[in-house]
């Protein structure tokens, strides 16, 4: 439930099963990643983001379910 600021390289941009937009960041671990969930109000920011781009993202940690999940994210 803590707010975190993470930096990394975008590995993937997409939508989950509930149509929530997300950005996955590259990690050294092939099993565990960082998935940052964005609300619809950030569509234009996500449209300008690209795979391989270095970013800093702020979000609230929602635990770990395979990946570390951040919700309510925004680009910093």
Protein backbone atom coordinates (compact mmCIF):
# COMPACT_ATOMS: atom_id res chain seq x y z
CA UNK A 1 0.00 0.00 0.00
CA UNK A 2 3.02 2.34 -0.06
CA UNK A 3 3.67 4.87 -2.82
CA UNK A 4 6.78 3.95 -4.79
CA UNK A 5 8.89 5.68 -7.42
CA UNK A 6 10.44 3.17 -9.85
CA UNK A 7 12.75 3.71 -12.82
CA UNK A 8 13.40 1.28 -15.61
CA UNK A 9 13.12 0.39 -19.26
CA UNK A 10 9.73 -0.35 -20.81
CA UNK A 11 9.48 -4.00 -21.83
CA UNK A 12 5.81 -4.00 -22.83
CA UNK A 13 2.76 -1.73 -23.04
CA UNK A 14 -0.71 -3.29 -23.11
CA UNK A 15 -4.07 -3.93 -21.49
CA UNK A 16 -4.97 -6.64 -18.99
CA UNK A 17 -8.11 -8.82 -18.97
CA UNK A 18 -10.12 -6.00 -17.36
CA UNK A 19 -8.99 -3.55 -20.08
CA UNK A 20 -6.69 -1.69 -17.68
CA UNK A 21 -3.66 -0.17 -19.40
CA UNK A 22 -0.24 -1.16 -18.06
CA UNK A 23 3.49 -0.82 -18.61
CA UNK A 24 5.84 -3.69 -17.75
CA UNK A 25 9.41 -2.80 -16.85
CA UNK A 26 12.42 -4.99 -17.69
CA UNK A 27 14.08 -6.78 -14.79
CA UNK A 28 17.02 -9.13 -14.40
CA UNK A 29 14.63 -11.83 -13.17
CA UNK A 30 12.84 -13.70 -16.00
CA UNK A 31 10.00 -14.77 -13.68
CA UNK A 32 9.27 -11.65 -11.59
CA UNK A 33 8.67 -8.26 -13.19
CA UNK A 34 7.19 -4.88 -12.36
CA UNK A 35 3.75 -4.14 -13.82
CA UNK A 36 2.48 -0.56 -13.57
CA UNK A 37 -1.29 -0.09 -14.00
CA UNK A 38 -2.60 3.22 -15.40
CA UNK A 39 -6.09 4.74 -15.43
CA UNK A 40 -7.70 5.92 -18.69
CA UNK A 41 -6.74 9.53 -17.93
CA UNK A 42 -3.15 8.62 -18.85
CA UNK A 43 -3.95 7.32 -22.37
CA UNK A 44 -2.09 10.16 -24.11
CA UNK A 45 1.04 9.59 -22.00
CA UNK A 46 0.96 5.89 -22.81
CA UNK A 47 0.45 6.64 -26.51
CA UNK A 48 3.74 8.59 -26.44
CA UNK A 49 5.62 5.86 -24.56
CA UNK A 50 7.65 3.26 -26.45
CA UNK A 51 9.18 -0.13 -25.78
CA UNK A 52 12.83 0.32 -24.78
CA UNK A 53 12.24 3.84 -23.41
CA UNK A 54 13.70 4.65 -19.97
CA UNK A 55 10.98 5.96 -17.62
CA UNK A 56 10.26 6.86 -14.00
CA UNK A 57 6.82 5.87 -12.72
CA UNK A 58 5.04 6.65 -9.46
CA UNK A 59 2.38 4.26 -8.17
CA UNK A 60 0.94 2.55 -5.12
CA UNK A 61 2.28 -0.95 -4.44
CA UNK A 62 -0.52 -3.53 -4.58
CA UNK A 63 1.56 -6.55 -3.63
CA UNK A 64 3.07 -9.32 -5.70
CA UNK A 65 1.10 -11.69 -7.91
CA UNK A 66 3.84 -13.16 -10.09
CA UNK A 67 4.84 -9.56 -10.77
CA UNK A 68 5.16 -6.65 -8.38
CA UNK A 69 1.99 -4.63 -9.06
CA UNK A 70 1.74 -0.84 -8.91
CA UNK A 71 -1.68 0.79 -9.30
CA UNK A 72 -2.76 4.38 -9.89
CA UNK A 73 0.45 5.02 -11.79
CA UNK A 74 1.67 8.15 -13.48
CA UNK A 75 4.87 9.10 -15.32
CA UNK A 76 7.21 11.39 -13.40
